[in-house]
């Protein structure tokens, strides 16, 4: 698949028609049924601008057989090889009138099971009883993220915008970011976007009253130092 070469050169790629309408409707049904019963879970975040479920694949494991259909498994193995596992997942639901926006940033942290002193692991934070830490750059460079689009995503309803090839420069301050190579990543319903964590990305407010739902899943094939473990590690 030629488009997968873009992951190395540009830091991302978009592949449409990964899921059928029936598969998407099944995912929507599972999410809606579970969230009705778990509305007050600690991993849920809800406001007028955003509904999010952290540890999504653990909260709603019933979705995994539909997420990892033959198309997605083939794409992952073709692009990265075997031996990868889930390290983190989040479900985002950006409502029709959302004013939620995210400034340009890199994804610099991973979720781990405990906080301990480990060489080159820094900038510890805790969110919803989960520890996050910035690992050595070499770990981030090998990881990747897949964003599954439950709705058609356009520049009007908050599609990600990225800076092409910004992942190749390592970690650097956003003040030094040049935005001349910006791309708006519009994705069809049932399509996916694959991106590298160090790729600078952002999103704007919704302007067309259209909902945007995305399942965000992070992957790795690396073991952490013996004292640490990925807190959401799941073999798919």
Protein backbone atom coordinates (compact mmCIF):
# COMPACT_ATOMS: atom_id res chain seq x y z
CA UNK A 1 0.00 0.00 0.00
CA UNK A 2 1.81 3.09 -1.27
CA UNK A 3 0.01 5.45 1.09
CA UNK A 4 1.73 3.78 4.03
CA UNK A 5 5.08 5.17 2.85
CA UNK A 6 3.72 8.57 3.87
CA UNK A 7 3.92 7.56 7.53
CA UNK A 8 7.71 7.59 7.34
CA UNK A 9 8.10 10.62 5.07
CA UNK A 10 5.22 12.85 6.26
CA UNK A 11 4.40 11.43 9.68
CA UNK A 12 0.85 10.40 8.80
CA UNK A 13 -1.42 8.81 6.24
CA UNK A 14 -5.19 8.63 5.63
CA UNK A 15 -6.90 5.43 4.48
CA UNK A 16 -10.63 5.45 3.75
CA UNK A 17 -13.06 2.53 3.52
CA UNK A 18 -11.46 0.53 6.32
CA UNK A 19 -14.86 -0.12 7.92
CA UNK A 20 -18.25 -0.83 6.39
CA UNK A 21 -21.34 1.15 7.37
CA UNK A 22 -22.56 -1.91 9.28
CA UNK A 23 -19.34 -2.10 11.31
CA UNK A 24 -19.54 1.59 12.16
CA UNK A 25 -23.17 1.29 13.21
CA UNK A 26 -22.29 -1.67 15.44
CA UNK A 27 -19.53 0.36 17.11
CA UNK A 28 -21.92 3.26 17.67
CA UNK A 29 -24.54 0.93 19.17
CA UNK A 30 -22.05 -0.66 21.56
CA UNK A 31 -20.69 2.71 22.70
CA UNK A 32 -24.13 4.21 23.25
CA UNK A 33 -25.44 1.18 25.15
CA UNK A 34 -22.46 1.00 27.49
CA UNK A 35 -22.24 4.74 28.16
CA UNK A 36 -25.87 4.82 29.31
CA UNK A 37 -24.98 2.40 32.09
CA UNK A 38 -21.56 3.82 32.98
CA UNK A 39 -22.23 7.54 32.74
CA UNK A 40 -20.50 8.31 36.03
CA UNK A 41 -17.35 6.23 35.55
CA UNK A 42 -14.06 7.94 36.52
CA UNK A 43 -12.73 7.46 33.00
CA UNK A 44 -15.59 9.47 31.49
CA UNK A 45 -15.32 13.18 30.86
CA UNK A 46 -18.35 15.15 29.73
CA UNK A 47 -18.92 18.84 29.01
CA UNK A 48 -20.95 20.83 26.50
CA UNK A 49 -17.95 20.81 24.14
CA UNK A 50 -16.58 17.28 24.51
CA UNK A 51 -17.41 13.79 25.71
CA UNK A 52 -14.42 11.50 26.18
CA UNK A 53 -13.82 7.98 27.46
CA UNK A 54 -10.29 7.19 28.59
CA UNK A 55 -9.10 3.57 28.65
CA UNK A 56 -11.75 3.04 26.00
CA UNK A 57 -10.73 -0.51 25.03
CA UNK A 58 -10.95 -1.56 28.68
CA UNK A 59 -14.24 0.20 29.39
CA UNK A 60 -15.91 -1.18 26.25
CA UNK A 61 -13.93 -4.31 25.26
CA UNK A 62 -16.92 -5.50 23.23
CA UNK A 63 -15.79 -3.08 20.49
CA UNK A 64 -12.40 -4.74 19.91
CA UNK A 65 -13.55 -7.49 17.48
CA UNK A 66 -15.15 -4.80 15.30
CA UNK A 67 -12.22 -2.37 15.56
CA UNK A 68 -9.65 -5.00 14.64
CA UNK A 69 -11.33 -6.27 11.51
CA UNK A 70 -9.30 -7.91 8.73
CA UNK A 71 -8.67 -4.57 7.04
CA UNK A 72 -7.12 -2.94 10.11
CA UNK A 73 -5.03 -5.99 11.02
CA UNK A 74 -3.67 -6.12 7.48
CA UNK A 75 -2.85 -2.39 7.53
CA UNK A 76 -1.00 -2.62 10.87
CA UNK A 77 1.08 -5.63 9.83
CA UNK A 78 1.84 -4.18 6.38
CA UNK A 79 2.97 -0.84 7.79
CA UNK A 80 4.72 -1.87 11.01
CA UNK A 81 5.00 -5.66 11.25
CA UNK A 82 3.83 -7.99 14.00
CA UNK A 83 4.20 -7.80 17.76
CA UNK A 84 2.38 -4.52 18.40
CA UNK A 85 -0.10 -4.06 21.23
CA UNK A 86 -2.47 -1.35 22.45
CA UNK A 87 -0.93 1.01 25.00
CA UNK A 88 -3.69 3.62 25.28
CA UNK A 89 -7.11 4.43 23.85
CA UNK A 90 -9.54 7.32 24.05
CA UNK A 91 -12.98 7.87 22.54
CA UNK A 92 -13.72 11.48 21.56
CA UNK A 93 -17.18 12.80 20.83
CA UNK A 94 -17.14 16.44 19.70
CA UNK A 95 -20.78 17.65 19.62
CA UNK A 96 -22.38 19.62 16.81
CA UNK A 97 -21.93 23.02 18.44
CA UNK A 98 -18.59 22.37 20.09
CA UNK A 99 -16.21 25.24 20.75
CA UNK A 100 -13.49 22.78 21.75
CA UNK A 101 -10.17 23.34 20.04
CA UNK A 102 -6.63 22.04 20.60
CA UNK A 103 -3.47 24.03 19.88
CA UNK A 104 -0.46 22.55 18.09
CA UNK A 105 1.38 19.94 20.18
CA UNK A 106 3.23 16.64 20.11
CA UNK A 107 2.02 13.55 22.02
CA UNK A 108 4.92 13.18 24.45
CA UNK A 109 3.61 10.98 27.25
CA UNK A 110 2.71 7.33 27.74
CA UNK A 111 0.48 5.71 30.38
CA UNK A 112 2.23 3.51 32.94
CA UNK A 113 1.25 1.50 36.01
CA UNK A 114 3.21 3.36 38.71
CA UNK A 115 5.41 6.37 39.40
CA UNK A 116 9.03 5.53 40.12
CA UNK A 117 12.42 7.03 39.40
CA UNK A 118 13.65 5.68 36.07
CA UNK A 119 16.50 7.18 34.06
CA UNK A 120 15.31 9.37 31.14
CA UNK A 121 11.64 9.10 32.15
CA UNK A 122 10.45 12.57 33.18
CA UNK A 123 7.62 15.10 33.43
CA UNK A 124 5.32 12.85 35.45
CA UNK A 125 1.61 13.66 35.68
CA UNK A 126 -1.48 11.96 37.09
CA UNK A 127 -4.90 12.09 35.43
CA UNK A 128 -7.94 10.16 36.62
CA UNK A 129 -5.79 7.91 38.82
CA UNK A 130 -3.47 7.03 35.95
CA UNK A 131 0.22 7.88 35.71
CA UNK A 132 1.69 9.45 32.59
CA UNK A 133 5.34 10.10 31.85
CA UNK A 134 7.52 11.33 29.02
CA UNK A 135 9.74 8.40 27.96
CA UNK A 136 13.01 8.57 26.01
CA UNK A 137 12.52 9.93 22.50
CA UNK A 138 13.50 6.56 20.99
CA UNK A 139 10.33 4.98 22.41
CA UNK A 140 8.07 7.71 21.02
CA UNK A 141 9.70 7.51 17.60
CA UNK A 142 8.77 3.83 17.25
CA UNK A 143 5.18 4.13 18.44
CA UNK A 144 2.18 5.05 16.30
CA UNK A 145 -1.46 6.10 16.66
CA UNK A 146 -4.55 5.10 14.69
CA UNK A 147 -7.62 7.35 14.70
CA UNK A 148 -10.83 5.61 13.62
CA UNK A 149 -13.45 8.00 12.27
CA UNK A 150 -17.02 7.24 13.26
CA UNK A 151 -18.23 10.36 11.40
CA UNK A 152 -17.02 12.14 8.29
CA UNK A 153 -14.43 14.65 9.44
CA UNK A 154 -13.79 17.92 7.60
CA UNK A 155 -12.10 21.22 8.34
CA UNK A 156 -15.52 22.59 9.35
CA UNK A 157 -16.06 20.08 12.20
CA UNK A 158 -12.59 19.98 13.67
CA UNK A 159 -10.48 17.69 11.49
CA UNK A 160 -6.90 17.43 12.67
CA UNK A 161 -4.42 19.78 11.06
CA UNK A 162 -0.80 18.69 11.02
CA UNK A 163 2.63 19.98 10.03
CA UNK A 164 4.02 17.58 7.45
CA UNK A 165 7.26 15.84 8.44
CA UNK A 166 7.44 17.62 11.81
CA UNK A 167 7.85 14.19 13.48
CA UNK A 168 11.33 13.83 11.99
CA UNK A 169 12.81 16.69 13.99
CA UNK A 170 12.49 15.09 17.42
CA UNK A 171 11.03 16.96 20.40
CA UNK A 172 11.06 20.73 20.13
CA UNK A 173 9.16 23.73 21.43
CA UNK A 174 5.99 24.80 19.68
CA UNK A 175 7.32 28.38 19.48
CA UNK A 176 9.86 27.10 16.96
CA UNK A 177 7.22 25.45 14.79
CA UNK A 178 6.94 26.52 11.15
CA UNK A 179 3.37 26.13 9.90
CA UNK A 180 3.91 26.63 6.17
CA UNK A 181 3.55 22.88 5.48
CA UNK A 182 0.17 22.54 7.18
CA UNK A 183 -2.31 19.89 6.00
CA UNK A 184 -5.98 19.54 7.00
CA UNK A 185 -6.63 15.81 7.50
CA UNK A 186 -10.16 15.24 6.27
CA UNK A 187 -11.30 11.62 6.66
CA UNK A 188 -14.44 9.84 5.46
CA UNK A 189 -16.76 7.98 7.83
CA UNK A 190 -15.24 4.51 8.28
CA UNK A 191 -11.76 5.71 7.39
CA UNK A 192 -8.65 5.97 9.54
CA UNK A 193 -5.72 8.29 10.06
CA UNK A 194 -2.37 6.85 11.13
CA UNK A 195 0.12 9.24 12.71
CA UNK A 196 3.38 9.32 14.62
CA UNK A 197 3.33 10.74 18.19
CA UNK A 198 5.96 13.40 17.45
CA UNK A 199 3.95 14.84 14.55
CA UNK A 200 2.69 18.31 15.50
CA UNK A 201 -1.11 18.33 15.33
CA UNK A 202 -4.03 20.55 16.34
CA UNK A 203 -7.76 20.98 15.71
CA UNK A 204 -10.14 23.92 15.36
CA UNK A 205 -13.63 24.63 16.66
CA UNK A 206 -16.65 23.15 14.92
CA UNK A 207 -18.33 25.60 12.53
CA UNK A 208 -20.85 23.49 10.57
CA UNK A 209 -22.96 21.90 13.34
CA UNK A 210 -21.74 18.40 12.47
CA UNK A 211 -20.73 15.87 15.10
CA UNK A 212 -17.23 14.34 15.14
CA UNK A 213 -16.60 11.01 16.87
CA UNK A 214 -13.14 9.40 16.83
CA UNK A 215 -11.58 6.35 18.48
CA UNK A 216 -7.92 7.16 19.21
CA UNK A 217 -5.64 4.12 19.80
CA UNK A 218 -1.91 4.20 20.52
CA UNK A 219 0.40 1.25 19.79
CA UNK A 220 3.88 0.03 20.69
CA UNK A 221 5.98 -3.12 20.41
CA UNK A 222 8.47 -2.12 23.09
CA UNK A 223 8.97 -3.33 26.62
CA UNK A 224 9.58 -0.69 29.26
CA UNK A 225 12.35 -0.90 31.88
CA UNK A 226 11.75 -3.79 34.28
CA UNK A 227 10.33 -1.52 36.96
CA UNK A 228 7.58 -0.14 34.69
CA UNK A 229 4.68 -1.53 32.68
CA UNK A 230 2.24 -0.05 30.18
CA UNK A 231 -0.91 0.51 32.25
CA UNK A 232 -3.31 -0.18 29.38
CA UNK A 233 -1.33 -2.88 27.57
CA UNK A 234 -3.67 -5.13 25.59
CA UNK A 235 -2.83 -7.69 22.92
CA UNK A 236 -5.26 -7.51 20.01
